[in-house]
Amino acid sequence: MERDYILSVLKLCKGKVYGGGGASEILKIPASTLNSKIKKLGITKEDIYST
């Protein structure tokens, strides 16, 4: 469930993790934490950019 939510936010942000309009800002977590979660949950660029 967490993986699906993070993936949907990343798709909304077009893969942008940090900075203005990035997924970490929307999720209200540090970019380093989000990057760790992405790695732990096995989210790939293919997952983000697929339809």
PDB file of N, CA and C in Angstrom:
ATOM      1  N   MET A   1       0.822  -1.187   0.000  1.00  0.00           N
ATOM      2  CA  MET A   1       0.000   0.000   0.000  1.00  0.00           C
ATOM      3  C   MET A   1       0.876   1.265   0.000  1.00  0.00           C
ATOM      4  N   GLU A   2       1.916   1.278   0.824  1.00  0.00           N
ATOM      5  CA  GLU A   2       2.829   2.423   0.862  1.00  0.00           C
ATOM      6  C   GLU A   2       3.514   2.591  -0.492  1.00  0.00           C
ATOM      7  N   ARG A   3       3.914   1.462  -1.096  1.00  0.00           N
ATOM      8  CA  ARG A   3       4.584   1.500  -2.392  1.00  0.00           C
ATOM      9  C   ARG A   3       3.676   2.138  -3.445  1.00  0.00           C
ATOM     10  N   ASP A   4       2.418   1.732  -3.467  1.00  0.00           N
ATOM     11  CA  ASP A   4       1.468   2.273  -4.442  1.00  0.00           C
ATOM     12  C   ASP A   4       1.267   3.772  -4.256  1.00  0.00           C
ATOM     13  N   TYR A   5       1.194   4.213  -2.995  1.00  0.00           N
ATOM     14  CA  TYR A   5       0.989   5.638  -2.713  1.00  0.00           C
ATOM     15  C   TYR A   5       2.198   6.459  -3.155  1.00  0.00           C
ATOM     16  N   ILE A   6       3.389   6.005  -2.788  1.00  0.00           N
ATOM     17  CA  ILE A   6       4.604   6.719  -3.184  1.00  0.00           C
ATOM     18  C   ILE A   6       4.730   6.742  -4.699  1.00  0.00           C
ATOM     19  N   LEU A   7       4.431   5.619  -5.333  1.00  0.00           N
ATOM     20  CA  LEU A   7       4.513   5.545  -6.787  1.00  0.00           C
ATOM     21  C   LEU A   7       3.526   6.497  -7.448  1.00  0.00           C
ATOM     22  N   SER A   8       2.318   6.614  -6.921  1.00  0.00           N
ATOM     23  CA  SER A   8       1.331   7.527  -7.509  1.00  0.00           C
ATOM     24  C   SER A   8       1.780   8.985  -7.365  1.00  0.00           C
ATOM     25  N   VAL A   9       2.386   9.323  -6.230  1.00  0.00           N
ATOM     26  CA  VAL A   9       2.889  10.689  -6.042  1.00  0.00           C
ATOM     27  C   VAL A   9       4.068  10.954  -6.981  1.00  0.00           C
ATOM     28  N   LEU A  10       4.948   9.988  -7.142  1.00  0.00           N
ATOM     29  CA  LEU A  10       6.079  10.157  -8.063  1.00  0.00           C
ATOM     30  C   LEU A  10       5.592  10.337  -9.494  1.00  0.00           C
ATOM     31  N   LYS A  11       4.568   9.600  -9.882  1.00  0.00           N
ATOM     32  CA  LYS A  11       4.011   9.762 -11.225  1.00  0.00           C
ATOM     33  C   LYS A  11       3.407  11.151 -11.381  1.00  0.00           C
ATOM     34  N   LEU A  12       2.708  11.628 -10.349  1.00  0.00           N
ATOM     35  CA  LEU A  12       2.117  12.961 -10.363  1.00  0.00           C
ATOM     36  C   LEU A  12       3.198  14.032 -10.549  1.00  0.00           C
ATOM     37  N   CYS A  13       4.354  13.814  -9.925  1.00  0.00           N
ATOM     38  CA  CYS A  13       5.474  14.769  -9.992  1.00  0.00           C
ATOM     39  C   CYS A  13       6.400  14.499 -11.173  1.00  0.00           C
ATOM     40  N   LYS A  14       6.015  13.571 -12.034  1.00  0.00           N
ATOM     41  CA  LYS A  14       6.832  13.182 -13.190  1.00  0.00           C
ATOM     42  C   LYS A  14       8.241  12.735 -12.788  1.00  0.00           C
ATOM     43  N   GLY A  15       8.308  12.039 -11.650  1.00  0.00           N
ATOM     44  CA  GLY A  15       9.567  11.466 -11.196  1.00  0.00           C
ATOM     45  C   GLY A  15      10.445  12.392 -10.375  1.00  0.00           C
ATOM     46  N   LYS A  16      10.019  13.632 -10.169  1.00  0.00           N
ATOM     47  CA  LYS A  16      10.821  14.590  -9.402  1.00  0.00           C
ATOM     48  C   LYS A  16      10.721  14.264  -7.917  1.00  0.00           C
ATOM     49  N   VAL A  17      11.864  14.018  -7.286  1.00  0.00           N
ATOM     50  CA  VAL A  17      11.883  13.598  -5.884  1.00  0.00           C
ATOM     51  C   VAL A  17      11.982  14.792  -4.946  1.00  0.00           C
ATOM     52  N   TYR A  18      12.862  15.741  -5.245  1.00  0.00           N
ATOM     53  CA  TYR A  18      13.087  16.856  -4.314  1.00  0.00           C
ATOM     54  C   TYR A  18      12.919  18.197  -5.013  1.00  0.00           C
ATOM     55  N   GLY A  19      12.924  19.266  -4.211  1.00  0.00           N
ATOM     56  CA  GLY A  19      12.752  20.613  -4.741  1.00  0.00           C
ATOM     57  C   GLY A  19      11.277  20.989  -4.803  1.00  0.00           C
ATOM     58  N   GLY A  20      11.021  22.178  -5.270  1.00  0.00           N
ATOM     59  CA  GLY A  20       9.651  22.669  -5.378  1.00  0.00           C
ATOM     60  C   GLY A  20       8.797  21.779  -6.266  1.00  0.00           C
ATOM     61  N   GLY A  21       7.681  21.361  -5.748  1.00  0.00           N
ATOM     62  CA  GLY A  21       6.791  20.487  -6.511  1.00  0.00           C
ATOM     63  C   GLY A  21       7.232  19.043  -6.580  1.00  0.00           C
ATOM     64  N   GLY A  22       8.268  18.695  -5.827  1.00  0.00           N
ATOM     65  CA  GLY A  22       8.761  17.319  -5.819  1.00  0.00           C
ATOM     66  C   GLY A  22       7.955  16.435  -4.888  1.00  0.00           C
ATOM     67  N   ALA A  23       8.122  15.146  -5.053  1.00  0.00           N
ATOM     68  CA  ALA A  23       7.358  14.175  -4.257  1.00  0.00           C
ATOM     69  C   ALA A  23       7.638  14.309  -2.762  1.00  0.00           C
ATOM     70  N   SER A  24       8.881  14.592  -2.384  1.00  0.00           N
ATOM     71  CA  SER A  24       9.180  14.709  -0.956  1.00  0.00           C
ATOM     72  C   SER A  24       8.443  15.889  -0.324  1.00  0.00           C
ATOM     73  N   GLU A  25       8.265  16.955  -1.082  1.00  0.00           N
ATOM     74  CA  GLU A  25       7.518  18.112  -0.576  1.00  0.00           C
ATOM     75  C   GLU A  25       6.039  17.745  -0.376  1.00  0.00           C
ATOM     76  N   ILE A  26       5.461  17.046  -1.329  1.00  0.00           N
ATOM     77  CA  ILE A  26       4.057  16.637  -1.243  1.00  0.00           C
ATOM     78  C   ILE A  26       3.844  15.651  -0.097  1.00  0.00           C
ATOM     79  N   LEU A  27       4.785  14.707   0.051  1.00  0.00           N
ATOM     80  CA  LEU A  27       4.670  13.697   1.108  1.00  0.00           C
ATOM     81  C   LEU A  27       5.100  14.231   2.474  1.00  0.00           C
ATOM     82  N   LYS A  28       5.706  15.416   2.479  1.00  0.00           N
ATOM     83  CA  LYS A  28       6.194  16.053   3.721  1.00  0.00           C
ATOM     84  C   LYS A  28       7.210  15.177   4.460  1.00  0.00           C
ATOM     85  N   ILE A  29       8.143  14.618   3.681  1.00  0.00           N
ATOM     86  CA  ILE A  29       9.263  13.865   4.257  1.00  0.00           C
ATOM     87  C   ILE A  29      10.544  14.331   3.572  1.00  0.00           C
ATOM     88  N   PRO A  30      11.691  14.197   4.248  1.00  0.00           N
ATOM     89  CA  PRO A  30      12.955  14.592   3.611  1.00  0.00           C
ATOM     90  C   PRO A  30      13.235  13.762   2.354  1.00  0.00           C
ATOM     91  N   ALA A  31      13.879  14.388   1.377  1.00  0.00           N
ATOM     92  CA  ALA A  31      14.197  13.690   0.133  1.00  0.00           C
ATOM     93  C   ALA A  31      15.058  12.456   0.382  1.00  0.00           C
ATOM     94  N   SER A  32      15.969  12.528   1.351  1.00  0.00           N
ATOM     95  CA  SER A  32      16.823  11.372   1.646  1.00  0.00           C
ATOM     96  C   SER A  32      15.989  10.192   2.158  1.00  0.00           C
ATOM     97  N   THR A  33      14.965  10.485   2.956  1.00  0.00           N
ATOM     98  CA  THR A  33      14.070   9.432   3.452  1.00  0.00           C
ATOM     99  C   THR A  33      13.277   8.838   2.293  1.00  0.00           C
ATOM    100  N   LEU A  34      12.784   9.691   1.407  1.00  0.00           N
ATOM    101  CA  LEU A  34      12.031   9.210   0.253  1.00  0.00           C
ATOM    102  C   LEU A  34      12.915   8.343  -0.637  1.00  0.00           C
ATOM    103  N   ASN A  35      14.149   8.777  -0.873  1.00  0.00           N
ATOM    104  CA  ASN A  35      15.064   7.969  -1.683  1.00  0.00           C
ATOM    105  C   ASN A  35      15.300   6.602  -1.048  1.00  0.00           C
ATOM    106  N   SER A  36      15.434   6.553   0.271  1.00  0.00           N
ATOM    107  CA  SER A  36      15.612   5.281   0.972  1.00  0.00           C
ATOM    108  C   SER A  36      14.390   4.390   0.798  1.00  0.00           C
ATOM    109  N   LYS A  37      13.213   4.975   0.904  1.00  0.00           N
ATOM    110  CA  LYS A  37      11.971   4.207   0.744  1.00  0.00           C
ATOM    111  C   LYS A  37      11.841   3.691  -0.692  1.00  0.00           C
ATOM    112  N   ILE A  38      12.190   4.517  -1.664  1.00  0.00           N
ATOM    113  CA  ILE A  38      12.135   4.110  -3.072  1.00  0.00           C
ATOM    114  C   ILE A  38      13.025   2.888  -3.290  1.00  0.00           C
ATOM    115  N   LYS A  39      14.224   2.955  -2.736  1.00  0.00           N
ATOM    116  CA  LYS A  39      15.164   1.831  -2.876  1.00  0.00           C
ATOM    117  C   LYS A  39      14.638   0.585  -2.152  1.00  0.00           C
ATOM    118  N   LYS A  40      14.175   0.760  -0.918  1.00  0.00           N
ATOM    119  CA  LYS A  40      13.678  -0.356  -0.109  1.00  0.00           C
ATOM    120  C   LYS A  40      12.471  -1.029  -0.749  1.00  0.00           C
ATOM    121  N   LEU A  41      11.578  -0.222  -1.334  1.00  0.00           N
ATOM    122  CA  LEU A  41      10.362  -0.751  -1.937  1.00  0.00           C
ATOM    123  C   LEU A  41      10.556  -1.226  -3.377  1.00  0.00           C
ATOM    124  N   GLY A  42      11.760  -1.039  -3.903  1.00  0.00           N
ATOM    125  CA  GLY A  42      12.077  -1.530  -5.248  1.00  0.00           C
ATOM    126  C   GLY A  42      11.386  -0.766  -6.363  1.00  0.00           C
ATOM    127  N   ILE A  43      11.162   0.520  -6.154  1.00  0.00           N
ATOM    128  CA  ILE A  43      10.532   1.344  -7.193  1.00  0.00           C
ATOM    129  C   ILE A  43      11.599   1.735  -8.214  1.00  0.00           C
ATOM    130  N   THR A  44      11.324   1.458  -9.490  1.00  0.00           N
ATOM    131  CA  THR A  44      12.284   1.744 -10.552  1.00  0.00           C
ATOM    132  C   THR A  44      11.769   2.888 -11.435  1.00  0.00           C
ATOM    133  N   LYS A  45      12.654   3.399 -12.258  1.00  0.00           N
ATOM    134  CA  LYS A  45      12.258   4.444 -13.203  1.00  0.00           C
ATOM    135  C   LYS A  45      11.184   3.924 -14.154  1.00  0.00           C
ATOM    136  N   GLU A  46      11.270   2.639 -14.502  1.00  0.00           N
ATOM    137  CA  GLU A  46      10.267   2.044 -15.377  1.00  0.00           C
ATOM    138  C   GLU A  46       8.891   2.075 -14.713  1.00  0.00           C
ATOM    139  N   ASP A  47       8.852   1.855 -13.394  1.00  0.00           N
ATOM    140  CA  ASP A  47       7.578   1.920 -12.667  1.00  0.00           C
ATOM    141  C   ASP A  47       6.993   3.331 -12.734  1.00  0.00           C
ATOM    142  N   ILE A  48       7.843   4.320 -12.572  1.00  0.00           N
ATOM    143  CA  ILE A  48       7.398   5.713 -12.521  1.00  0.00           C
ATOM    144  C   ILE A  48       6.912   6.184 -13.875  1.00  0.00           C
ATOM    145  N   TYR A  49       7.640   5.859 -14.926  1.00  0.00           N
ATOM    146  CA  TYR A  49       7.332   6.406 -16.242  1.00  0.00           C
ATOM    147  C   TYR A  49       6.440   5.529 -17.087  1.00  0.00           C
ATOM    148  N   SER A  50       5.996   4.375 -16.566  1.00  0.00           N
ATOM    149  CA  SER A  50       5.051   3.549 -17.319  1.00  0.00           C
ATOM    150  C   SER A  50       3.649   4.126 -17.186  1.00  0.00           C
ATOM    151  N   THR A  51       2.793   3.782 -18.097  1.00  0.00           N
ATOM    152  CA  THR A  51       1.428   4.345 -18.078  1.00  0.00           C
ATOM    153  C   THR A  51       0.520   3.633 -17.121  1.00  0.00           C
TER     154      THR A  51
END
